[in-house]
Amino acid sequence: MTAGLPAPARPTLLFVHGWAFDASVWTALRAELSDWPQAVADAGYFGPAEVPPIDGPVIAVGHSLGVLRLLRGLPASCLGLVSINGFPRFGAGPDFEAGVPRRMLDRMIKRLAADPRAVLQDFRLRCGEAAAFGEPQGPALSRDLEALRDEDQRAALAALPVPLLLLAGQADPIVSAAMTQAAFADRAGDERHWREAGGHLLPVSDAAWCAGRIRAFISRLAPAA
C-alpha cells in the first residue's frame, strides 16, 4: 500500500439463500468467513423479508434459487458472483431438458396451497435438513416456487459482467450434476469446483470447503484488501 493512502475497502459478502430456507442456512459458512464484512438477505419465507443496504464493493454469494435471484440484478459495485448449488434456470423446457419437469413443480405448487408445512418438510428432508422451521409464509413461498418453474436467467448469466465461482455437489438431489453442467455449459473461463458426494446444502454440510474456495476467489478479485 502506498504511504498516505487509505487501505482499499474490503468487499462485503452478500449472502442470498434459496427456496424453503432462510438466512440461518448461512450460519456455518458465515462463521468460517467471519473476518470479512457480511450482509444477509432474507426472502421472507418464515417472517419479514430483509434486503440489507450495502455500500462499497460486494461479492455476492447465492445458494440454489439465491443465484437466480442475484442474476436478476447484481448489487452496485459487485466484484464477483459465487454460485453454491445454484442455477440460472430450474424448470425444464424444450431447450433445457436437464431441468425439473414442469408437472412436478405444478404438483408442488398445488400442494403448497393446501399444506405448505408438509411441502416444505418434504423438500427440506430431500435436501438433508430435518431441523424444525418457522411458520410458512404462503405468498412468498408460492411466488418463488413459481419462479423455480418459470424463470430463466440464462441470458443474464451469459452477459454476466463479473467473474463467477461455481461450487456444486456431485450427489446433489435437487440440482443434479447434469442440470449444473447444462446450465453453465456455455461459459468458458469460470472457476468451477465439484464436491465429491456433496449434496444440496454445501454451505451447511461443507462450510469449510466452500469457505476455502471463496477465500481464494476473494484474494484474486481484491488482492489489496
Protein backbone atom coordinates (compact mmCIF):
# COMPACT_ATOMS: atom_id res chain seq x y z
CA MET A 1 0.00 0.00 0.00
CA THR A 2 1.31 3.47 -0.90
CA ALA A 3 2.16 5.61 2.14
CA GLY A 4 -0.52 8.13 3.00
CA LEU A 5 -3.28 6.39 1.05
CA PRO A 6 -6.18 4.69 2.84
CA ALA A 7 -6.43 0.92 2.71
CA PRO A 8 -8.74 -0.39 -0.03
CA ALA A 9 -12.26 -1.12 1.17
CA ARG A 10 -12.78 -4.78 1.97
CA PRO A 11 -15.65 -6.22 -0.08
CA THR A 12 -18.82 -7.14 1.78
CA LEU A 13 -20.01 -10.71 1.32
CA LEU A 14 -23.73 -10.60 0.50
CA PHE A 15 -25.46 -13.92 1.21
CA VAL A 16 -28.73 -14.78 -0.59
CA HIS A 17 -30.43 -18.06 0.36
CA GLY A 18 -32.58 -20.46 -1.65
CA TRP A 19 -36.15 -21.69 -1.58
CA ALA A 20 -37.62 -23.21 1.62
CA PHE A 21 -34.78 -21.86 3.78
CA ASP A 22 -33.90 -18.57 5.45
CA ALA A 23 -30.82 -16.57 6.36
CA SER A 24 -29.85 -19.12 9.01
CA VAL A 25 -28.71 -21.53 6.29
CA TRP A 26 -25.55 -19.41 6.11
CA THR A 27 -24.61 -19.68 9.80
CA ALA A 28 -21.77 -22.19 9.39
CA LEU A 29 -20.29 -20.59 6.27
CA ARG A 30 -20.51 -17.10 7.75
CA ALA A 31 -18.60 -18.31 10.80
CA GLU A 32 -15.86 -19.66 8.53
CA LEU A 33 -15.64 -16.25 6.83
CA SER A 34 -16.19 -14.11 9.92
CA ASP A 35 -13.18 -11.89 9.24
CA TRP A 36 -14.93 -10.39 6.19
CA PRO A 37 -17.74 -7.80 6.27
CA GLN A 38 -21.07 -9.54 5.73
CA ALA A 39 -24.69 -8.81 4.86
CA VAL A 40 -27.54 -11.32 4.64
CA ALA A 41 -30.77 -11.11 2.66
CA ASP A 42 -33.92 -12.99 3.66
CA ALA A 43 -36.72 -13.82 1.21
CA GLY A 44 -39.41 -13.81 3.91
CA TYR A 45 -40.47 -17.46 3.85
CA PHE A 46 -40.85 -17.61 7.65
CA GLY A 47 -41.06 -13.95 8.63
CA PRO A 48 -40.35 -10.47 7.28
CA ALA A 49 -38.23 -10.19 4.17
CA GLU A 50 -34.94 -8.34 4.56
CA VAL A 51 -32.86 -6.58 1.93
CA PRO A 52 -29.74 -5.23 3.63
CA PRO A 53 -28.30 -1.89 2.50
CA ILE A 54 -24.75 -2.18 1.23
CA ASP A 55 -22.18 0.48 0.44
CA GLY A 56 -18.91 -0.20 -1.32
CA PRO A 57 -17.62 -3.30 -3.11
CA VAL A 58 -19.61 -6.52 -2.87
CA ILE A 59 -19.06 -10.19 -3.58
CA ALA A 60 -22.47 -11.84 -3.97
CA VAL A 61 -22.86 -15.39 -2.65
CA GLY A 62 -26.03 -17.26 -3.64
CA HIS A 63 -27.32 -20.67 -2.73
CA SER A 64 -29.70 -22.53 -5.05
CA LEU A 65 -32.54 -20.14 -6.04
CA GLY A 66 -30.50 -17.35 -4.48
CA VAL A 67 -28.22 -17.44 -7.54
CA LEU A 68 -31.15 -16.95 -9.91
CA ARG A 69 -32.36 -14.07 -7.73
CA LEU A 70 -28.93 -12.41 -7.90
CA LEU A 71 -28.85 -12.81 -11.67
CA ARG A 72 -31.95 -10.58 -11.86
CA GLY A 73 -29.69 -7.70 -10.92
CA LEU A 74 -26.36 -7.73 -9.14
CA PRO A 75 -25.66 -5.11 -6.48
CA ALA A 76 -23.83 -1.99 -7.49
CA SER A 77 -20.04 -2.34 -7.24
CA CYS A 78 -20.28 -6.13 -7.38
CA LEU A 79 -16.85 -7.68 -7.93
CA GLY A 80 -17.86 -11.31 -8.35
CA LEU A 81 -20.61 -13.91 -8.01
CA VAL A 82 -20.35 -17.17 -6.07
CA SER A 83 -22.87 -19.86 -7.04
CA ILE A 84 -23.34 -22.66 -4.49
CA ASN A 85 -25.70 -25.42 -5.67
CA GLY A 86 -27.03 -22.70 -7.96
CA PHE A 87 -28.58 -22.28 -11.38
CA PRO A 88 -29.92 -19.67 -13.83
CA ARG A 89 -32.88 -21.92 -14.67
CA PHE A 90 -34.51 -24.73 -12.71
CA GLY A 91 -37.61 -25.82 -14.61
CA ALA A 92 -37.31 -27.95 -17.72
CA GLY A 93 -38.15 -26.59 -21.15
CA PRO A 94 -37.75 -27.51 -24.82
CA ASP A 95 -34.18 -26.17 -24.77
CA PHE A 96 -33.40 -27.19 -21.18
CA GLU A 97 -34.24 -30.85 -20.77
CA ALA A 98 -31.95 -31.22 -17.74
CA GLY A 99 -34.33 -29.11 -15.65
CA VAL A 100 -37.05 -30.37 -13.31
CA PRO A 101 -40.22 -31.34 -15.23
CA ARG A 102 -42.98 -28.75 -15.09
CA ARG A 103 -45.55 -31.29 -13.92
CA MET A 104 -43.54 -31.94 -10.75
CA LEU A 105 -43.36 -28.25 -9.92
CA ASP A 106 -47.06 -27.83 -10.73
CA ARG A 107 -47.85 -30.54 -8.18
CA MET A 108 -45.70 -28.83 -5.57
CA ILE A 109 -47.43 -25.50 -6.20
CA LYS A 110 -50.85 -27.12 -5.81
CA ARG A 111 -49.83 -28.93 -2.62
CA LEU A 112 -48.22 -25.79 -1.24
CA ALA A 113 -51.56 -24.00 -1.31
CA ALA A 114 -53.19 -26.82 0.66
CA ASP A 115 -50.46 -27.83 3.10
CA PRO A 116 -47.36 -25.61 2.96
CA ARG A 117 -45.74 -27.16 6.03
CA ALA A 118 -45.85 -30.66 4.53
CA VAL A 119 -44.38 -29.44 1.22
CA LEU A 120 -41.58 -27.63 2.99
CA GLN A 121 -40.79 -30.56 5.25
CA ASP A 122 -40.65 -32.97 2.30
CA PHE A 123 -38.41 -30.65 0.31
CA ARG A 124 -36.07 -29.87 3.20
CA LEU A 125 -35.73 -33.56 4.01
CA ARG A 126 -34.72 -34.21 0.40
CA CYS A 127 -32.07 -31.55 0.88
CA GLY A 128 -30.82 -33.33 4.00
CA GLU A 129 -32.29 -30.89 6.56
CA ALA A 130 -34.54 -32.25 9.31
CA ALA A 131 -34.49 -29.26 11.69
CA ALA A 132 -37.69 -27.51 12.72
CA PHE A 133 -38.69 -24.32 10.89
CA GLY A 134 -40.99 -21.37 11.46
CA GLU A 135 -44.48 -20.56 10.27
CA PRO A 136 -44.56 -20.74 6.44
CA GLN A 137 -45.45 -17.53 4.64
CA GLY A 138 -47.51 -18.80 1.73
CA PRO A 139 -47.39 -15.85 -0.70
CA ALA A 140 -43.60 -15.57 -0.67
CA LEU A 141 -43.12 -19.32 -0.97
CA SER A 142 -45.66 -19.60 -3.79
CA ARG A 143 -44.16 -16.66 -5.67
CA ASP A 144 -40.69 -18.16 -5.65
CA LEU A 145 -41.82 -21.71 -6.34
CA GLU A 146 -43.43 -20.33 -9.49
CA ALA A 147 -40.11 -18.65 -10.28
CA LEU A 148 -38.40 -22.02 -9.96
CA ARG A 149 -40.86 -23.38 -12.50
CA ASP A 150 -40.93 -20.48 -14.95
CA GLU A 151 -37.96 -18.13 -14.66
CA ASP A 152 -34.96 -18.25 -16.98
CA GLN A 153 -31.93 -16.07 -16.28
CA ARG A 154 -29.55 -17.77 -18.70
CA ALA A 155 -29.29 -14.61 -20.79
CA ALA A 156 -28.24 -12.68 -17.69
CA LEU A 157 -25.67 -15.38 -16.92
CA ALA A 158 -24.30 -15.17 -20.45
CA ALA A 159 -23.90 -11.41 -20.04
CA LEU A 160 -22.52 -11.60 -16.50
CA PRO A 161 -20.05 -8.71 -16.17
CA VAL A 162 -18.07 -10.16 -13.23
CA PRO A 163 -16.13 -13.37 -12.54
CA LEU A 164 -18.07 -16.44 -11.43
CA LEU A 165 -17.10 -19.08 -8.88
CA LEU A 166 -19.19 -22.24 -9.21
CA LEU A 167 -19.39 -24.70 -6.30
CA ALA A 168 -21.53 -27.79 -6.83
CA GLY A 169 -22.18 -31.21 -5.32
CA GLN A 170 -21.81 -34.33 -7.42
CA ALA A 171 -24.60 -36.01 -5.44
CA ASP A 172 -26.97 -33.03 -5.21
CA PRO A 173 -30.54 -34.47 -5.18
CA ILE A 174 -32.14 -31.13 -6.10
CA VAL A 175 -29.77 -29.58 -8.65
CA SER A 176 -28.30 -32.55 -10.43
CA ALA A 177 -24.82 -32.57 -11.89
CA ALA A 178 -26.45 -32.81 -15.32
CA MET A 179 -28.53 -29.69 -14.63
CA THR A 180 -25.47 -27.77 -13.44
CA GLN A 181 -23.45 -28.78 -16.48
CA ALA A 182 -26.28 -27.87 -18.87
CA ALA A 183 -26.97 -24.53 -17.20
CA PHE A 184 -23.37 -23.35 -17.17
CA ALA A 185 -22.11 -25.16 -20.27
CA ASP A 186 -21.74 -22.08 -22.47
CA ARG A 187 -19.46 -20.17 -20.10
CA ALA A 188 -15.73 -20.50 -20.53
CA GLY A 189 -13.15 -19.39 -18.01
CA ASP A 190 -15.29 -19.66 -14.89
CA GLU A 191 -13.75 -21.23 -11.83
CA ARG A 192 -15.56 -24.50 -11.02
CA HIS A 193 -15.22 -26.91 -8.13
CA TRP A 194 -17.18 -30.11 -7.61
CA ARG A 195 -17.58 -31.60 -4.15
CA GLU A 196 -17.42 -35.37 -4.42
CA ALA A 197 -20.52 -36.85 -2.74
CA GLY A 198 -21.65 -33.30 -1.93
CA GLY A 199 -25.39 -32.70 -1.55
CA HIS A 200 -27.63 -29.66 -1.90
CA LEU A 201 -26.67 -27.90 1.33
CA LEU A 202 -22.97 -27.34 0.77
CA PRO A 203 -23.00 -24.14 2.91
CA VAL A 204 -24.11 -26.33 5.83
CA SER A 205 -22.50 -29.71 5.23
CA ASP A 206 -19.27 -28.48 3.66
CA ALA A 207 -18.87 -24.97 5.04
CA ALA A 208 -15.08 -25.16 5.44
CA TRP A 209 -14.65 -26.49 1.90
CA CYS A 210 -16.81 -23.68 0.49
CA ALA A 211 -15.02 -21.06 2.59
CA GLY A 212 -11.59 -22.12 1.35
CA ARG A 213 -12.59 -21.66 -2.25
CA ILE A 214 -14.37 -18.39 -1.58
CA ARG A 215 -11.29 -17.03 0.19
CA ALA A 216 -9.12 -17.89 -2.80
CA PHE A 217 -11.68 -16.26 -5.10
CA ILE A 218 -11.67 -13.08 -3.00
CA SER A 219 -7.88 -12.95 -2.99
CA ARG A 220 -7.87 -12.89 -6.78
CA LEU A 221 -10.66 -10.29 -7.08
CA ALA A 222 -9.47 -7.94 -4.35
CA PRO A 223 -5.85 -8.80 -3.56
CA ALA A 224 -5.10 -5.42 -1.99
CA ALA A 225 -7.97 -5.82 0.51
